[in-house]
Amino acid sequence: MTLLLVVIAAVYGLLIGSFLNAWAWRLVHDESIMRGRSHCTECGAQIRAYDNVPVVSWLLLRGRCRDCGARISWRYPAGEAATAALFAAVAASVGLDWLLLPYLVFVAAMVLVTQVDLEIQIIPDVVILPTAAIGLVLMVLVGDGEWWEWPVAGLGAALFLFAIAWLYERIRGVEGMGFGDVKMALCMGVYLGAAVVPALFIGFVSGAIVGVTVMAATGKDAKTAVPFGPFLAAGAVVSLFVGDWLIGAYLDFALR
């Protein structure tokens, strides 16, 4: 039963990953997701149904548009494969449980936010706020914990990032992170509960490492803009699976 669930989740992940690719591109280019079918970003030709099979079509077309021959970014099949892998991992971890639904919504949102933030360094409200609202309702209903844990974790994470952003701007005189990151922390807390703590830690550490590496490689200063959303998303996904274990391991170590 578990294997069948994982396979079904992976297939749905491929399909939803394809949808997320299209949505991310339209968000970046300020187009409505409700407007028309998917099309080539270069020549505008509508993508045929048989050329819209996740991952497989990109491989068969060798990463090019059938009509104009323009290159199709590798990020499209990568996004589809990543979504499928995450859906399969969530299904394997949770099993046939009510938590499966909010967790799948959450990882899908993290994939979408990462794609958009990498392109234009914006975390879209139209994604993160409805996701947080849906998550709050679902986690209060089916989450493993007291009902108040999810809103408290969300508000706490948002206030923490808001305080960090405010202090950074006051000290350095430049904006360190956008308010979109604060809203993303709210969403993370709603789904993760206490596990949002290691999620934020992983996000900050990984973001700092990459930021320092970019500055060293390019010779730019600390004012160089690096999108923080993907690092928060990575921390969120890791903590979704092992966040409670990380908290337990830390407490065992600290209380020795």
C-alpha atoms as a PDB file:
ATOM      1  CA  MET A   1       0.000   0.000   0.000  1.00  0.00           C
ATOM      2  CA  THR A   2       2.810   2.402   0.899  1.00  0.00           C
ATOM      3  CA  LEU A   3       4.651   1.724  -2.362  1.00  0.00           C
ATOM      4  CA  LEU A   4       1.485   2.343  -4.383  1.00  0.00           C
ATOM      5  CA  LEU A   5       0.886   5.598  -2.488  1.00  0.00           C
ATOM      6  CA  VAL A   6       4.448   6.733  -3.171  1.00  0.00           C
ATOM      7  CA  VAL A   7       4.118   5.969  -6.889  1.00  0.00           C
ATOM      8  CA  ILE A   8       0.802   7.810  -7.128  1.00  0.00           C
ATOM      9  CA  ALA A   9       2.265  10.780  -5.246  1.00  0.00           C
ATOM     10  CA  ALA A  10       5.273  10.869  -7.584  1.00  0.00           C
ATOM     11  CA  VAL A  11       3.033  10.876 -10.676  1.00  0.00           C
ATOM     12  CA  TYR A  12       0.919  13.680  -9.256  1.00  0.00           C
ATOM     13  CA  GLY A  13       4.127  15.464  -8.338  1.00  0.00           C
ATOM     14  CA  LEU A  14       5.259  15.409 -11.968  1.00  0.00           C
ATOM     15  CA  LEU A  15       1.938  16.841 -13.139  1.00  0.00           C
ATOM     16  CA  ILE A  16       1.783  19.500 -10.435  1.00  0.00           C
ATOM     17  CA  GLY A  17       5.443  20.310 -11.008  1.00  0.00           C
ATOM     18  CA  SER A  18       4.625  21.067 -14.655  1.00  0.00           C
ATOM     19  CA  PHE A  19       1.806  23.354 -13.512  1.00  0.00           C
ATOM     20  CA  LEU A  20       4.132  25.072 -11.026  1.00  0.00           C
ATOM     21  CA  ASN A  21       6.648  25.724 -13.812  1.00  0.00           C
ATOM     22  CA  ALA A  22       3.983  27.455 -15.881  1.00  0.00           C
ATOM     23  CA  TRP A  23       2.686  29.416 -12.897  1.00  0.00           C
ATOM     24  CA  ALA A  24       6.170  30.535 -11.888  1.00  0.00           C
ATOM     25  CA  TRP A  25       6.919  31.815 -15.404  1.00  0.00           C
ATOM     26  CA  ARG A  26       3.633  33.700 -15.515  1.00  0.00           C
ATOM     27  CA  LEU A  27       4.198  35.233 -12.102  1.00  0.00           C
ATOM     28  CA  VAL A  28       7.636  36.406 -13.199  1.00  0.00           C
ATOM     29  CA  HIS A  29       6.198  37.903 -16.407  1.00  0.00           C
ATOM     30  CA  ASP A  30       3.025  39.235 -14.783  1.00  0.00           C
ATOM     31  CA  GLU A  31       0.653  36.956 -16.703  1.00  0.00           C
ATOM     32  CA  SER A  32      -2.439  35.321 -15.254  1.00  0.00           C
ATOM     33  CA  ILE A  33      -2.270  31.564 -14.808  1.00  0.00           C
ATOM     34  CA  MET A  34      -5.883  31.478 -16.012  1.00  0.00           C
ATOM     35  CA  ARG A  35      -5.011  32.999 -19.372  1.00  0.00           C
ATOM     36  CA  GLY A  36      -4.588  30.513 -22.219  1.00  0.00           C
ATOM     37  CA  ARG A  37      -2.568  27.337 -22.594  1.00  0.00           C
ATOM     38  CA  SER A  38       1.154  26.899 -22.071  1.00  0.00           C
ATOM     39  CA  HIS A  39       3.233  28.366 -24.866  1.00  0.00           C
ATOM     40  CA  CYS A  40       6.818  28.720 -26.002  1.00  0.00           C
ATOM     41  CA  THR A  41       8.400  31.706 -24.278  1.00  0.00           C
ATOM     42  CA  GLU A  42      10.240  32.650 -27.487  1.00  0.00           C
ATOM     43  CA  CYS A  43       7.850  32.185 -30.439  1.00  0.00           C
ATOM     44  CA  GLY A  44       4.558  32.036 -28.531  1.00  0.00           C
ATOM     45  CA  ALA A  45       3.431  28.764 -30.173  1.00  0.00           C
ATOM     46  CA  GLN A  46       1.059  26.735 -28.022  1.00  0.00           C
ATOM     47  CA  ILE A  47       2.655  23.612 -26.589  1.00  0.00           C
ATOM     48  CA  ARG A  48       1.001  20.479 -27.927  1.00  0.00           C
ATOM     49  CA  ALA A  49      -0.380  17.984 -25.427  1.00  0.00           C
ATOM     50  CA  TYR A  50       2.142  15.318 -26.446  1.00  0.00           C
ATOM     51  CA  ASP A  51       4.960  17.828 -25.955  1.00  0.00           C
ATOM     52  CA  ASN A  52       3.770  18.649 -22.455  1.00  0.00           C
ATOM     53  CA  VAL A  53       4.517  15.342 -20.730  1.00  0.00           C
ATOM     54  CA  PRO A  54       6.628  16.176 -17.655  1.00  0.00           C
ATOM     55  CA  VAL A  55      10.379  15.485 -18.046  1.00  0.00           C
ATOM     56  CA  VAL A  56       9.846  13.005 -20.913  1.00  0.00           C
ATOM     57  CA  SER A  57       8.878  15.627 -23.512  1.00  0.00           C
ATOM     58  CA  TRP A  58      11.876  17.794 -22.636  1.00  0.00           C
ATOM     59  CA  LEU A  59      14.185  14.809 -23.107  1.00  0.00           C
ATOM     60  CA  LEU A  60      12.586  13.761 -26.418  1.00  0.00           C
ATOM     61  CA  LEU A  61      12.755  17.314 -27.751  1.00  0.00           C
ATOM     62  CA  ARG A  62      16.344  17.598 -26.494  1.00  0.00           C
ATOM     63  CA  GLY A  63      15.453  20.717 -24.613  1.00  0.00           C
ATOM     64  CA  ARG A  64      14.204  22.694 -27.631  1.00  0.00           C
ATOM     65  CA  CYS A  65      10.892  24.059 -28.869  1.00  0.00           C
ATOM     66  CA  ARG A  66       9.402  21.923 -31.652  1.00  0.00           C
ATOM     67  CA  ASP A  67       8.335  25.031 -33.622  1.00  0.00           C
ATOM     68  CA  CYS A  68      11.203  27.516 -33.387  1.00  0.00           C
ATOM     69  CA  GLY A  69      14.057  25.440 -31.993  1.00  0.00           C
ATOM     70  CA  ALA A  70      14.634  27.789 -29.057  1.00  0.00           C
ATOM     71  CA  ARG A  71      16.232  26.253 -25.997  1.00  0.00           C
ATOM     72  CA  ILE A  72      13.935  25.225 -23.142  1.00  0.00           C
ATOM     73  CA  SER A  73      15.644  25.730 -19.791  1.00  0.00           C
ATOM     74  CA  TRP A  74      16.733  22.641 -17.857  1.00  0.00           C
ATOM     75  CA  ARG A  75      14.980  24.196 -14.867  1.00  0.00           C
ATOM     76  CA  TYR A  76      11.617  23.023 -16.218  1.00  0.00           C
ATOM     77  CA  PRO A  77      12.304  19.270 -16.003  1.00  0.00           C
ATOM     78  CA  ALA A  78      14.317  19.884 -12.833  1.00  0.00           C
ATOM     79  CA  GLY A  79      11.293  21.545 -11.221  1.00  0.00           C
ATOM     80  CA  GLU A  80       9.028  18.696 -12.290  1.00  0.00           C
ATOM     81  CA  ALA A  81      11.436  16.044 -11.026  1.00  0.00           C
ATOM     82  CA  ALA A  82      12.008  17.886  -7.746  1.00  0.00           C
ATOM     83  CA  THR A  83       8.279  18.190  -7.105  1.00  0.00           C
ATOM     84  CA  ALA A  84       7.776  14.495  -7.883  1.00  0.00           C
ATOM     85  CA  ALA A  85      10.620  13.518  -5.544  1.00  0.00           C
ATOM     86  CA  LEU A  86       9.265  15.694  -2.739  1.00  0.00           C
ATOM     87  CA  PHE A  87       5.729  14.353  -3.160  1.00  0.00           C
ATOM     88  CA  ALA A  88       7.050  10.784  -3.084  1.00  0.00           C
ATOM     89  CA  ALA A  89       9.169  11.509   0.013  1.00  0.00           C
ATOM     90  CA  VAL A  90       6.216  13.073   1.838  1.00  0.00           C
ATOM     91  CA  ALA A  91       4.004  10.094   0.973  1.00  0.00           C
ATOM     92  CA  ALA A  92       6.664   7.664   2.175  1.00  0.00           C
ATOM     93  CA  SER A  93       7.136   9.612   5.410  1.00  0.00           C
ATOM     94  CA  VAL A  94       3.509  10.327   6.296  1.00  0.00           C
ATOM     95  CA  GLY A  95       1.676   7.432   4.695  1.00  0.00           C
ATOM     96  CA  LEU A  96      -2.059   7.483   4.105  1.00  0.00           C
ATOM     97  CA  ASP A  97      -2.794  10.113   6.719  1.00  0.00           C
ATOM     98  CA  TRP A  98      -4.699  13.398   6.797  1.00  0.00           C
ATOM     99  CA  LEU A  99      -1.360  15.195   7.197  1.00  0.00           C
ATOM    100  CA  LEU A 100      -0.478  14.165   3.661  1.00  0.00           C
ATOM    101  CA  LEU A 101      -2.697  16.886   2.174  1.00  0.00           C
ATOM    102  CA  PRO A 102      -1.255  19.943   3.985  1.00  0.00           C
ATOM    103  CA  TYR A 103       2.293  18.679   3.595  1.00  0.00           C
ATOM    104  CA  LEU A 104       1.896  18.265  -0.175  1.00  0.00           C
ATOM    105  CA  VAL A 105       0.427  21.765  -0.415  1.00  0.00           C
ATOM    106  CA  PHE A 106       3.382  23.080   1.585  1.00  0.00           C
ATOM    107  CA  VAL A 107       6.160  21.484  -0.471  1.00  0.00           C
ATOM    108  CA  ALA A 108       4.444  22.556  -3.709  1.00  0.00           C
ATOM    109  CA  ALA A 109       4.390  26.149  -2.431  1.00  0.00           C
ATOM    110  CA  MET A 110       8.075  25.933  -1.491  1.00  0.00           C
ATOM    111  CA  VAL A 111       8.967  24.799  -5.014  1.00  0.00           C
ATOM    112  CA  LEU A 112       6.947  27.619  -6.575  1.00  0.00           C
ATOM    113  CA  VAL A 113       8.352  30.294  -4.259  1.00  0.00           C
ATOM    114  CA  THR A 114      11.899  29.113  -4.938  1.00  0.00           C
ATOM    115  CA  GLN A 115      11.427  29.358  -8.709  1.00  0.00           C
ATOM    116  CA  VAL A 116       9.972  32.868  -8.564  1.00  0.00           C
ATOM    117  CA  ASP A 117      12.437  34.211  -5.994  1.00  0.00           C
ATOM    118  CA  LEU A 118      15.407  32.951  -8.017  1.00  0.00           C
ATOM    119  CA  GLU A 119      14.120  34.835 -11.045  1.00  0.00           C
ATOM    120  CA  ILE A 120      12.977  38.185  -9.665  1.00  0.00           C
ATOM    121  CA  GLN A 121      13.835  38.086  -5.937  1.00  0.00           C
ATOM    122  CA  ILE A 122      10.196  38.395  -4.918  1.00  0.00           C
ATOM    123  CA  ILE A 123       8.103  36.022  -2.822  1.00  0.00           C
ATOM    124  CA  PRO A 124       4.627  36.469  -4.308  1.00  0.00           C
ATOM    125  CA  ASP A 125       1.809  37.252  -1.876  1.00  0.00           C
ATOM    126  CA  VAL A 126      -0.638  35.485  -4.183  1.00  0.00           C
ATOM    127  CA  VAL A 127       1.178  32.231  -3.344  1.00  0.00           C
ATOM    128  CA  ILE A 128       2.455  32.522   0.199  1.00  0.00           C
ATOM    129  CA  LEU A 129      -0.534  34.143   1.924  1.00  0.00           C
ATOM    130  CA  PRO A 130      -3.245  31.740   0.650  1.00  0.00           C
ATOM    131  CA  THR A 131      -0.879  28.841   1.384  1.00  0.00           C
ATOM    132  CA  ALA A 132      -0.473  30.073   4.959  1.00  0.00           C
ATOM    133  CA  ALA A 133      -4.239  30.497   5.378  1.00  0.00           C
ATOM    134  CA  ILE A 134      -4.959  27.016   4.010  1.00  0.00           C
ATOM    135  CA  GLY A 135      -2.223  25.549   6.181  1.00  0.00           C
ATOM    136  CA  LEU A 136      -3.532  27.176   9.343  1.00  0.00           C
ATOM    137  CA  VAL A 137      -6.969  25.656   8.856  1.00  0.00           C
ATOM    138  CA  LEU A 138      -5.673  22.212   7.898  1.00  0.00           C
ATOM    139  CA  MET A 139      -3.010  21.986  10.603  1.00  0.00           C
ATOM    140  CA  VAL A 140      -5.433  23.071  13.333  1.00  0.00           C
ATOM    141  CA  LEU A 141      -7.753  20.302  12.159  1.00  0.00           C
ATOM    142  CA  VAL A 142      -5.290  17.447  11.544  1.00  0.00           C
ATOM    143  CA  GLY A 143      -1.905  18.509  12.959  1.00  0.00           C
ATOM    144  CA  ASP A 144      -0.100  16.401  15.566  1.00  0.00           C
ATOM    145  CA  GLY A 145      -0.205  18.856  18.438  1.00  0.00           C
ATOM    146  CA  GLU A 146      -2.293  21.413  20.268  1.00  0.00           C
ATOM    147  CA  TRP A 147      -4.338  23.679  18.007  1.00  0.00           C
ATOM    148  CA  TRP A 148      -2.519  26.810  19.164  1.00  0.00           C
ATOM    149  CA  GLU A 149       0.947  25.495  18.226  1.00  0.00           C
ATOM    150  CA  TRP A 150       0.543  26.331  14.535  1.00  0.00           C
ATOM    151  CA  PRO A 151      -0.561  29.988  14.774  1.00  0.00           C
ATOM    152  CA  VAL A 152       1.928  30.656  17.576  1.00  0.00           C
ATOM    153  CA  ALA A 153       4.788  29.140  15.575  1.00  0.00           C
ATOM    154  CA  GLY A 154       3.774  31.121  12.505  1.00  0.00           C
ATOM    155  CA  LEU A 155       3.562  34.440  14.325  1.00  0.00           C
ATOM    156  CA  GLY A 156       6.744  33.743  16.264  1.00  0.00           C
ATOM    157  CA  ALA A 157       8.746  32.932  13.139  1.00  0.00           C
ATOM    158  CA  ALA A 158       7.403  36.012  11.340  1.00  0.00           C
ATOM    159  CA  LEU A 159       8.198  38.320  14.266  1.00  0.00           C
ATOM    160  CA  PHE A 160      11.693  36.846  14.557  1.00  0.00           C
ATOM    161  CA  LEU A 161      12.508  37.507  10.907  1.00  0.00           C
ATOM    162  CA  PHE A 162      10.896  40.947  11.093  1.00  0.00           C
ATOM    163  CA  ALA A 163      13.127  41.816  14.062  1.00  0.00           C
ATOM    164  CA  ILE A 164      16.242  40.570  12.241  1.00  0.00           C
ATOM    165  CA  ALA A 165      15.353  42.565   9.118  1.00  0.00           C
ATOM    166  CA  TRP A 166      14.650  45.713  11.157  1.00  0.00           C
ATOM    167  CA  LEU A 167      17.889  45.464  13.109  1.00  0.00           C
ATOM    168  CA  TYR A 168      19.944  44.807   9.981  1.00  0.00           C
ATOM    169  CA  GLU A 169      18.478  47.829   8.224  1.00  0.00           C
ATOM    170  CA  ARG A 170      19.033  50.020  11.281  1.00  0.00           C
ATOM    171  CA  ILE A 171      22.665  48.924  11.656  1.00  0.00           C
ATOM    172  CA  ARG A 172      23.741  48.667   8.008  1.00  0.00           C
ATOM    173  CA  GLY A 173      21.432  51.263   6.477  1.00  0.00           C
ATOM    174  CA  VAL A 174      20.292  48.875   3.730  1.00  0.00           C
ATOM    175  CA  GLU A 175      17.473  46.376   3.486  1.00  0.00           C
ATOM    176  CA  GLY A 176      18.752  42.918   4.417  1.00  0.00           C
ATOM    177  CA  MET A 177      15.668  40.941   3.548  1.00  0.00           C
ATOM    178  CA  GLY A 178      12.295  41.761   2.120  1.00  0.00           C
ATOM    179  CA  PHE A 179       8.947  41.596   3.870  1.00  0.00           C
ATOM    180  CA  GLY A 180       8.185  38.611   1.636  1.00  0.00           C
ATOM    181  CA  ASP A 181      10.679  36.598   3.686  1.00  0.00           C
ATOM    182  CA  VAL A 182       8.773  37.541   6.839  1.00  0.00           C
ATOM    183  CA  LYS A 183       5.511  36.294   5.317  1.00  0.00           C
ATOM    184  CA  MET A 184       7.272  33.138   4.188  1.00  0.00           C
ATOM    185  CA  ALA A 185       8.429  32.528   7.775  1.00  0.00           C
ATOM    186  CA  LEU A 186       4.794  32.903   8.864  1.00  0.00           C
ATOM    187  CA  CYS A 187       3.785  30.229   6.368  1.00  0.00           C
ATOM    188  CA  MET A 188       6.603  27.935   7.461  1.00  0.00           C
ATOM    189  CA  GLY A 189       5.646  28.183  11.117  1.00  0.00           C
ATOM    190  CA  VAL A 190       2.006  27.406  10.370  1.00  0.00           C
ATOM    191  CA  TYR A 191       2.957  24.088   8.775  1.00  0.00           C
ATOM    192  CA  LEU A 192       6.029  23.130  10.814  1.00  0.00           C
ATOM    193  CA  GLY A 193       5.106  24.197  14.324  1.00  0.00           C
ATOM    194  CA  ALA A 194       8.135  24.057  16.622  1.00  0.00           C
ATOM    195  CA  ALA A 195      10.186  22.546  13.781  1.00  0.00           C
ATOM    196  CA  VAL A 196      10.289  26.018  12.210  1.00  0.00           C
ATOM    197  CA  VAL A 197      13.213  26.755  14.554  1.00  0.00           C
ATOM    198  CA  PRO A 198      15.689  24.383  12.861  1.00  0.00           C
ATOM    199  CA  ALA A 199      14.175  25.371   9.497  1.00  0.00           C
ATOM    200  CA  LEU A 200      15.127  29.019  10.071  1.00  0.00           C
ATOM    201  CA  PHE A 201      18.554  28.004  11.365  1.00  0.00           C
ATOM    202  CA  ILE A 202      19.256  25.904   8.270  1.00  0.00           C
ATOM    203  CA  GLY A 203      18.019  28.740   6.058  1.00  0.00           C
ATOM    204  CA  PHE A 204      20.266  31.314   7.717  1.00  0.00           C
ATOM    205  CA  VAL A 205      23.372  29.106   7.749  1.00  0.00           C
ATOM    206  CA  SER A 206      23.014  27.919   4.150  1.00  0.00           C
ATOM    207  CA  GLY A 207      22.182  31.447   2.981  1.00  0.00           C
ATOM    208  CA  ALA A 208      25.218  32.864   4.774  1.00  0.00           C
ATOM    209  CA  ILE A 209      27.545  30.250   3.284  1.00  0.00           C
ATOM    210  CA  VAL A 210      26.303  30.862  -0.246  1.00  0.00           C
ATOM    211  CA  GLY A 211      26.319  34.630   0.254  1.00  0.00           C
ATOM    212  CA  VAL A 212      29.932  34.660   1.429  1.00  0.00           C
ATOM    213  CA  THR A 213      30.919  32.355  -1.429  1.00  0.00           C
ATOM    214  CA  VAL A 214      29.249  34.647  -3.985  1.00  0.00           C
ATOM    215  CA  MET A 215      30.995  37.699  -2.536  1.00  0.00           C
ATOM    216  CA  ALA A 216      34.353  35.942  -2.559  1.00  0.00           C
ATOM    217  CA  ALA A 217      33.886  34.739  -6.141  1.00  0.00           C
ATOM    218  CA  THR A 218      32.629  38.050  -7.540  1.00  0.00           C
ATOM    219  CA  GLY A 219      34.527  40.506  -5.381  1.00  0.00           C
ATOM    220  CA  LYS A 220      31.291  42.269  -4.433  1.00  0.00           C
ATOM    221  CA  ASP A 221      30.444  43.551  -0.962  1.00  0.00           C
ATOM    222  CA  ALA A 222      27.802  42.538   1.595  1.00  0.00           C
ATOM    223  CA  LYS A 223      25.190  44.671  -0.174  1.00  0.00           C
ATOM    224  CA  THR A 224      25.049  42.125  -3.013  1.00  0.00           C
ATOM    225  CA  ALA A 225      21.457  40.889  -3.321  1.00  0.00           C
ATOM    226  CA  VAL A 226      21.021  37.146  -2.820  1.00  0.00           C
ATOM    227  CA  PRO A 227      17.465  35.721  -2.788  1.00  0.00           C
ATOM    228  CA  PHE A 228      16.782  34.308   0.669  1.00  0.00           C
ATOM    229  CA  GLY A 229      13.560  32.464  -0.167  1.00  0.00           C
ATOM    230  CA  PRO A 230      15.231  29.354  -1.633  1.00  0.00           C
ATOM    231  CA  PHE A 231      17.312  28.898   1.524  1.00  0.00           C
ATOM    232  CA  LEU A 232      14.249  29.243   3.733  1.00  0.00           C
ATOM    233  CA  ALA A 233      12.463  26.741   1.473  1.00  0.00           C
ATOM    234  CA  ALA A 234      15.358  24.284   1.776  1.00  0.00           C
ATOM    235  CA  GLY A 235      15.328  24.615   5.553  1.00  0.00           C
ATOM    236  CA  ALA A 236      11.563  24.145   5.578  1.00  0.00           C
ATOM    237  CA  VAL A 237      11.706  20.947   3.532  1.00  0.00           C
ATOM    238  CA  VAL A 238      14.497  19.472   5.649  1.00  0.00           C
ATOM    239  CA  SER A 239      12.628  20.308   8.854  1.00  0.00           C
ATOM    240  CA  LEU A 240       9.408  18.872   7.499  1.00  0.00           C
ATOM    241  CA  PHE A 241      11.108  15.473   7.563  1.00  0.00           C
ATOM    242  CA  VAL A 242      13.631  15.690  10.402  1.00  0.00           C
ATOM    243  CA  GLY A 243      12.834  18.922  12.255  1.00  0.00           C
ATOM    244  CA  ASP A 244      11.463  17.225  15.370  1.00  0.00           C
ATOM    245  CA  TRP A 245      14.447  14.866  15.412  1.00  0.00           C
ATOM    246  CA  LEU A 246      16.847  17.812  15.164  1.00  0.00           C
ATOM    247  CA  ILE A 247      15.149  19.524  18.099  1.00  0.00           C
ATOM    248  CA  GLY A 248      15.315  16.331  20.153  1.00  0.00           C
ATOM    249  CA  ALA A 249      18.988  15.763  19.287  1.00  0.00           C
ATOM    250  CA  TYR A 250      19.864  19.332  20.242  1.00  0.00           C
ATOM    251  CA  LEU A 251      18.014  19.125  23.565  1.00  0.00           C
ATOM    252  CA  ASP A 252      19.690  15.800  24.391  1.00  0.00           C
ATOM    253  CA  PHE A 253      23.084  17.374  23.704  1.00  0.00           C
ATOM    254  CA  ALA A 254      22.378  20.631  25.553  1.00  0.00           C
ATOM    255  CA  LEU A 255      20.949  18.951  28.657  1.00  0.00           C
ATOM    256  CA  ARG A 256      23.746  16.450  29.170  1.00  0.00           C
END
